[in-house]
Amino acid sequence: MFEAKLIEDIVQNEIKEVILYPVTLAKFLLNMPKISSFFENNETDKFEIELENCQNCKSDLLCRKHTSISRIVNETGKVAYDLDTDTFLLKNEIWKAPKDDRKLKLVYCPHTKLMQGQPTSSKVKKVSFIVTKVTEEIYSSLVDKYSPRVVTFRSSSLSTVPLKFWINEDFTGIVYASSNLSSKIFLELNK
């Protein structure tokens, strides 16, 4: 039996200098088939990037979708890049570089401490999908995989041992990732 490795340690020691929440990396591994399918789907509804007419934004606070888009578009620090899936990760967001159609597809990973009630596998795995069309200016400003701001890692290397991450005061999650992109989660009571 393998000793579980802390995802927080992986983020701090292997994906250095990137502000990446451990729960985002856990959700990335847990939802990899779903996220890959989302990135490959061309028939996804899009969310408009225009801030002026957003019904959910407040005068001093962006809505969740605009916050995620803004983080990716305005980020000037280091970003994580998974060489195995051609995917970027930062804070609570996961995304792929837009192709020629200029559609920015991203996945928002809500923190587990925001869950209501008792944690369940489906609540822990919950993610939201966002698609928006970006302008030429935004498209050209997005980080690419060859940028010196990119810190690379391989998600396939994370499938060799169970991975632990904090869910809330009462529970820890243990991810059992596998190389065939399917992962399982087990919830463990904190002692």
C-alpha atoms as a PDB file:
ATOM      1  CA  MET A   1       0.000   0.000   0.000  1.00  0.00           C
ATOM      2  CA  PHE A   2       1.333   3.442  -0.934  1.00  0.00           C
ATOM      3  CA  GLU A   3       1.449   6.384   1.432  1.00  0.00           C
ATOM      4  CA  ALA A   4      -0.719   9.230   0.109  1.00  0.00           C
ATOM      5  CA  LYS A   5       1.139  12.318  -1.050  1.00  0.00           C
ATOM      6  CA  LEU A   6      -0.220  15.779  -0.188  1.00  0.00           C
ATOM      7  CA  ILE A   7      -1.337  17.753  -3.244  1.00  0.00           C
ATOM      8  CA  GLU A   8      -0.359  20.905  -1.341  1.00  0.00           C
ATOM      9  CA  ASP A   9       3.263  19.649  -1.282  1.00  0.00           C
ATOM     10  CA  ILE A  10       3.182  18.964  -5.027  1.00  0.00           C
ATOM     11  CA  VAL A  11       1.940  22.495  -5.701  1.00  0.00           C
ATOM     12  CA  GLN A  12       4.537  24.076  -3.383  1.00  0.00           C
ATOM     13  CA  ASN A  13       7.533  21.936  -4.368  1.00  0.00           C
ATOM     14  CA  GLU A  14       6.964  20.773  -7.953  1.00  0.00           C
ATOM     15  CA  ILE A  15       4.791  23.475  -9.509  1.00  0.00           C
ATOM     16  CA  LYS A  16       6.679  26.299  -7.831  1.00  0.00           C
ATOM     17  CA  GLU A  17       5.910  30.000  -8.071  1.00  0.00           C
ATOM     18  CA  VAL A  18       2.401  29.391  -9.433  1.00  0.00           C
ATOM     19  CA  ILE A  19      -0.643  30.425  -7.440  1.00  0.00           C
ATOM     20  CA  LEU A  20      -2.522  27.165  -7.866  1.00  0.00           C
ATOM     21  CA  TYR A  21      -4.982  25.966  -5.258  1.00  0.00           C
ATOM     22  CA  PRO A  22      -4.520  22.273  -4.381  1.00  0.00           C
ATOM     23  CA  VAL A  23      -8.254  21.684  -4.803  1.00  0.00           C
ATOM     24  CA  THR A  24      -7.973  22.854  -8.439  1.00  0.00           C
ATOM     25  CA  LEU A  25      -5.305  20.258  -9.178  1.00  0.00           C
ATOM     26  CA  ALA A  26      -7.427  17.604  -7.402  1.00  0.00           C
ATOM     27  CA  LYS A  27     -10.516  18.530  -9.449  1.00  0.00           C
ATOM     28  CA  PHE A  28      -8.427  18.538 -12.630  1.00  0.00           C
ATOM     29  CA  LEU A  29      -7.347  14.946 -11.963  1.00  0.00           C
ATOM     30  CA  LEU A  30     -10.817  13.831 -10.840  1.00  0.00           C
ATOM     31  CA  ASN A  31     -12.612  15.375 -13.825  1.00  0.00           C
ATOM     32  CA  MET A  32     -10.033  14.826 -16.553  1.00  0.00           C
ATOM     33  CA  PRO A  33     -12.327  12.909 -18.976  1.00  0.00           C
ATOM     34  CA  LYS A  34     -15.145  15.449 -18.474  1.00  0.00           C
ATOM     35  CA  ILE A  35     -12.772  18.417 -18.882  1.00  0.00           C
ATOM     36  CA  SER A  36     -11.144  16.910 -21.998  1.00  0.00           C
ATOM     37  CA  SER A  37     -14.568  16.359 -23.526  1.00  0.00           C
ATOM     38  CA  PHE A  38     -15.520  19.982 -22.783  1.00  0.00           C
ATOM     39  CA  PHE A  39     -12.361  21.286 -24.476  1.00  0.00           C
ATOM     40  CA  GLU A  40     -12.979  19.132 -27.563  1.00  0.00           C
ATOM     41  CA  ASN A  41     -16.672  20.055 -27.907  1.00  0.00           C
ATOM     42  CA  ASN A  42     -17.247  22.771 -30.510  1.00  0.00           C
ATOM     43  CA  GLU A  43     -20.970  23.142 -29.844  1.00  0.00           C
ATOM     44  CA  THR A  44     -20.687  24.779 -26.440  1.00  0.00           C
ATOM     45  CA  ASP A  45     -22.761  27.837 -25.535  1.00  0.00           C
ATOM     46  CA  LYS A  46     -20.619  30.875 -25.029  1.00  0.00           C
ATOM     47  CA  PHE A  47     -20.639  33.507 -22.346  1.00  0.00           C
ATOM     48  CA  GLU A  48     -20.059  37.055 -23.530  1.00  0.00           C
ATOM     49  CA  ILE A  49     -16.948  38.758 -22.190  1.00  0.00           C
ATOM     50  CA  GLU A  50     -18.485  42.241 -22.251  1.00  0.00           C
ATOM     51  CA  LEU A  51     -18.681  43.567 -18.704  1.00  0.00           C
ATOM     52  CA  GLU A  52     -20.930  46.544 -19.324  1.00  0.00           C
ATOM     53  CA  ASN A  53     -24.190  44.618 -19.729  1.00  0.00           C
ATOM     54  CA  CYS A  54     -23.665  41.740 -17.292  1.00  0.00           C
ATOM     55  CA  GLN A  55     -26.709  41.249 -15.056  1.00  0.00           C
ATOM     56  CA  ASN A  56     -24.646  39.379 -12.431  1.00  0.00           C
ATOM     57  CA  CYS A  57     -21.763  41.821 -11.995  1.00  0.00           C
ATOM     58  CA  LYS A  58     -22.066  44.487  -9.307  1.00  0.00           C
ATOM     59  CA  SER A  59     -20.521  47.943  -9.599  1.00  0.00           C
ATOM     60  CA  ASP A  60     -17.556  46.964  -7.411  1.00  0.00           C
ATOM     61  CA  LEU A  61     -17.582  43.170  -7.803  1.00  0.00           C
ATOM     62  CA  LEU A  62     -17.329  40.962 -10.900  1.00  0.00           C
ATOM     63  CA  CYS A  63     -19.563  37.897 -11.244  1.00  0.00           C
ATOM     64  CA  ARG A  64     -17.940  34.453 -10.996  1.00  0.00           C
ATOM     65  CA  LYS A  65     -17.598  34.018 -14.779  1.00  0.00           C
ATOM     66  CA  HIS A  66     -16.064  37.453 -15.327  1.00  0.00           C
ATOM     67  CA  THR A  67     -13.717  36.930 -12.362  1.00  0.00           C
ATOM     68  CA  SER A  68     -12.386  33.722 -13.936  1.00  0.00           C
ATOM     69  CA  ILE A  69     -12.004  35.317 -17.372  1.00  0.00           C
ATOM     70  CA  SER A  70     -10.308  38.357 -15.855  1.00  0.00           C
ATOM     71  CA  ARG A  71      -7.826  36.201 -13.928  1.00  0.00           C
ATOM     72  CA  ILE A  72      -6.700  34.432 -17.085  1.00  0.00           C
ATOM     73  CA  VAL A  73      -6.621  37.492 -19.321  1.00  0.00           C
ATOM     74  CA  ASN A  74      -4.852  39.759 -16.817  1.00  0.00           C
ATOM     75  CA  GLU A  75      -2.446  37.299 -15.191  1.00  0.00           C
ATOM     76  CA  THR A  76       1.187  38.413 -15.348  1.00  0.00           C
ATOM     77  CA  GLY A  77       2.719  35.839 -12.988  1.00  0.00           C
ATOM     78  CA  LYS A  78       3.624  32.194 -13.426  1.00  0.00           C
ATOM     79  CA  VAL A  79       1.062  29.687 -14.740  1.00  0.00           C
ATOM     80  CA  ALA A  80       1.096  25.876 -14.541  1.00  0.00           C
ATOM     81  CA  TYR A  81       1.019  23.919 -17.795  1.00  0.00           C
ATOM     82  CA  ASP A  82       0.315  20.191 -18.049  1.00  0.00           C
ATOM     83  CA  LEU A  83       2.398  18.742 -20.866  1.00  0.00           C
ATOM     84  CA  ASP A  84       0.197  15.626 -21.065  1.00  0.00           C
ATOM     85  CA  THR A  85      -3.090  17.433 -21.741  1.00  0.00           C
ATOM     86  CA  ASP A  86      -1.914  20.766 -23.195  1.00  0.00           C
ATOM     87  CA  THR A  87      -3.801  22.529 -20.399  1.00  0.00           C
ATOM     88  CA  PHE A  88      -3.080  25.589 -18.233  1.00  0.00           C
ATOM     89  CA  LEU A  89      -3.925  25.901 -14.516  1.00  0.00           C
ATOM     90  CA  LEU A  90      -3.985  28.959 -12.246  1.00  0.00           C
ATOM     91  CA  LYS A  91      -5.745  29.598  -8.931  1.00  0.00           C
ATOM     92  CA  ASN A  92      -9.256  28.091  -9.428  1.00  0.00           C
ATOM     93  CA  GLU A  93      -9.129  28.033 -13.247  1.00  0.00           C
ATOM     94  CA  ILE A  94      -8.184  25.448 -15.872  1.00  0.00           C
ATOM     95  CA  TRP A  95      -8.068  26.388 -19.577  1.00  0.00           C
ATOM     96  CA  LYS A  96      -6.679  25.660 -22.995  1.00  0.00           C
ATOM     97  CA  ALA A  97      -5.256  28.227 -25.354  1.00  0.00           C
ATOM     98  CA  PRO A  98      -7.910  29.333 -27.858  1.00  0.00           C
ATOM     99  CA  LYS A  99      -7.588  28.010 -31.377  1.00  0.00           C
ATOM    100  CA  ASP A 100      -8.228  30.038 -34.496  1.00  0.00           C
ATOM    101  CA  ASP A 101     -11.925  30.386 -33.600  1.00  0.00           C
ATOM    102  CA  ARG A 102     -10.838  32.628 -30.660  1.00  0.00           C
ATOM    103  CA  LYS A 103     -13.035  30.721 -28.183  1.00  0.00           C
ATOM    104  CA  LEU A 104     -11.538  30.767 -24.704  1.00  0.00           C
ATOM    105  CA  LYS A 105     -12.763  27.664 -22.868  1.00  0.00           C
ATOM    106  CA  LEU A 106     -12.156  27.518 -19.168  1.00  0.00           C
ATOM    107  CA  VAL A 107     -13.167  25.488 -16.153  1.00  0.00           C
ATOM    108  CA  TYR A 108     -13.830  27.132 -12.793  1.00  0.00           C
ATOM    109  CA  CYS A 109     -13.168  24.908  -9.759  1.00  0.00           C
ATOM    110  CA  PRO A 110     -15.082  26.180  -6.713  1.00  0.00           C
ATOM    111  CA  HIS A 111     -13.264  25.595  -3.441  1.00  0.00           C
ATOM    112  CA  THR A 112     -14.606  22.732  -1.379  1.00  0.00           C
ATOM    113  CA  LYS A 113     -15.004  24.995   1.656  1.00  0.00           C
ATOM    114  CA  LEU A 114     -17.935  26.603  -0.229  1.00  0.00           C
ATOM    115  CA  MET A 115     -19.898  23.330  -0.260  1.00  0.00           C
ATOM    116  CA  GLN A 116     -23.230  23.225   1.527  1.00  0.00           C
ATOM    117  CA  GLY A 117     -23.933  20.258   3.802  1.00  0.00           C
ATOM    118  CA  GLN A 118     -22.046  16.989   4.057  1.00  0.00           C
ATOM    119  CA  PRO A 119     -19.347  16.443   1.390  1.00  0.00           C
ATOM    120  CA  THR A 120     -20.081  13.855  -1.293  1.00  0.00           C
ATOM    121  CA  SER A 121     -18.010  12.701  -4.232  1.00  0.00           C
ATOM    122  CA  SER A 122     -20.157  14.675  -6.699  1.00  0.00           C
ATOM    123  CA  LYS A 123     -20.021  17.864  -4.582  1.00  0.00           C
ATOM    124  CA  VAL A 124     -16.229  17.639  -4.314  1.00  0.00           C
ATOM    125  CA  LYS A 125     -15.866  17.050  -8.078  1.00  0.00           C
ATOM    126  CA  LYS A 126     -18.156  19.981  -9.007  1.00  0.00           C
ATOM    127  CA  VAL A 127     -16.788  22.352 -11.679  1.00  0.00           C
ATOM    128  CA  SER A 128     -18.313  25.030 -13.929  1.00  0.00           C
ATOM    129  CA  PHE A 129     -17.621  25.469 -17.634  1.00  0.00           C
ATOM    130  CA  ILE A 130     -17.234  28.871 -19.318  1.00  0.00           C
ATOM    131  CA  VAL A 131     -16.724  29.688 -23.006  1.00  0.00           C
ATOM    132  CA  THR A 132     -16.203  33.159 -24.386  1.00  0.00           C
ATOM    133  CA  LYS A 133     -15.044  34.648 -27.659  1.00  0.00           C
ATOM    134  CA  VAL A 134     -11.955  36.822 -27.217  1.00  0.00           C
ATOM    135  CA  THR A 135     -10.778  39.794 -29.237  1.00  0.00           C
ATOM    136  CA  GLU A 136      -7.541  39.770 -31.217  1.00  0.00           C
ATOM    137  CA  GLU A 137      -5.927  41.937 -28.536  1.00  0.00           C
ATOM    138  CA  ILE A 138      -6.869  39.546 -25.712  1.00  0.00           C
ATOM    139  CA  TYR A 139      -5.977  36.513 -27.825  1.00  0.00           C
ATOM    140  CA  SER A 140      -2.464  37.830 -28.433  1.00  0.00           C
ATOM    141  CA  SER A 141      -1.960  38.707 -24.750  1.00  0.00           C
ATOM    142  CA  LEU A 142      -2.790  35.224 -23.417  1.00  0.00           C
ATOM    143  CA  VAL A 143       0.130  33.179 -22.157  1.00  0.00           C
ATOM    144  CA  ASP A 144       1.298  30.416 -24.486  1.00  0.00           C
ATOM    145  CA  LYS A 145       3.062  27.174 -23.629  1.00  0.00           C
ATOM    146  CA  TYR A 146       6.436  28.537 -24.753  1.00  0.00           C
ATOM    147  CA  SER A 147       6.327  31.548 -22.429  1.00  0.00           C
ATOM    148  CA  PRO A 148       8.978  31.874 -19.704  1.00  0.00           C
ATOM    149  CA  ARG A 149       6.028  32.399 -17.319  1.00  0.00           C
ATOM    150  CA  VAL A 150       4.976  28.754 -17.730  1.00  0.00           C
ATOM    151  CA  VAL A 151       5.888  26.110 -15.147  1.00  0.00           C
ATOM    152  CA  THR A 152       5.434  22.660 -16.676  1.00  0.00           C
ATOM    153  CA  PHE A 153       4.391  19.408 -15.048  1.00  0.00           C
ATOM    154  CA  ARG A 154       3.022  16.034 -16.160  1.00  0.00           C
ATOM    155  CA  SER A 155      -0.349  14.905 -14.822  1.00  0.00           C
ATOM    156  CA  SER A 156       0.582  11.321 -15.739  1.00  0.00           C
ATOM    157  CA  SER A 157       3.327  11.404 -13.088  1.00  0.00           C
ATOM    158  CA  LEU A 158       0.680  12.134 -10.445  1.00  0.00           C
ATOM    159  CA  SER A 159      -1.052   8.801 -11.061  1.00  0.00           C
ATOM    160  CA  THR A 160       1.655   6.763  -9.336  1.00  0.00           C
ATOM    161  CA  VAL A 161       0.507   7.357  -5.730  1.00  0.00           C
ATOM    162  CA  PRO A 162      -2.726   8.349  -3.956  1.00  0.00           C
ATOM    163  CA  LEU A 163      -3.008  12.119  -3.469  1.00  0.00           C
ATOM    164  CA  LYS A 164      -4.537  13.833  -0.415  1.00  0.00           C
ATOM    165  CA  PHE A 165      -6.127  17.278  -0.254  1.00  0.00           C
ATOM    166  CA  TRP A 166      -8.027  19.301   2.333  1.00  0.00           C
ATOM    167  CA  ILE A 167     -11.785  19.531   1.775  1.00  0.00           C
ATOM    168  CA  ASN A 168     -12.963  21.220   4.959  1.00  0.00           C
ATOM    169  CA  GLU A 169     -12.434  21.097   8.733  1.00  0.00           C
ATOM    170  CA  ASP A 170     -13.954  17.612   8.914  1.00  0.00           C
ATOM    171  CA  PHE A 171     -12.854  15.849   5.720  1.00  0.00           C
ATOM    172  CA  THR A 172      -9.814  15.112   3.575  1.00  0.00           C
ATOM    173  CA  GLY A 173     -10.106  13.810   0.028  1.00  0.00           C
ATOM    174  CA  ILE A 174      -7.903  11.066  -1.352  1.00  0.00           C
ATOM    175  CA  VAL A 175      -7.579  10.928  -5.141  1.00  0.00           C
ATOM    176  CA  TYR A 176      -6.646   7.658  -6.764  1.00  0.00           C
ATOM    177  CA  ALA A 177      -5.650   8.760 -10.257  1.00  0.00           C
ATOM    178  CA  SER A 178      -4.794   6.326 -13.005  1.00  0.00           C
ATOM    179  CA  SER A 179      -2.937   6.661 -16.268  1.00  0.00           C
ATOM    180  CA  ASN A 180      -6.106   5.967 -18.296  1.00  0.00           C
ATOM    181  CA  LEU A 181      -7.579   9.311 -17.167  1.00  0.00           C
ATOM    182  CA  SER A 182     -10.117   7.826 -14.761  1.00  0.00           C
ATOM    183  CA  SER A 183      -9.814   8.792 -11.115  1.00  0.00           C
ATOM    184  CA  LYS A 184     -11.672   7.968  -7.956  1.00  0.00           C
ATOM    185  CA  ILE A 185     -12.088   9.957  -4.767  1.00  0.00           C
ATOM    186  CA  PHE A 186     -12.516   8.722  -1.237  1.00  0.00           C
ATOM    187  CA  LEU A 187     -13.527  10.965   1.646  1.00  0.00           C
ATOM    188  CA  GLU A 188     -11.749  10.501   4.953  1.00  0.00           C
ATOM    189  CA  LEU A 189     -12.745  11.970   8.307  1.00  0.00           C
ATOM    190  CA  ASN A 190     -10.022  14.225   9.744  1.00  0.00           C
ATOM    191  CA  LYS A 191      -8.738  13.008  13.090  1.00  0.00           C
END
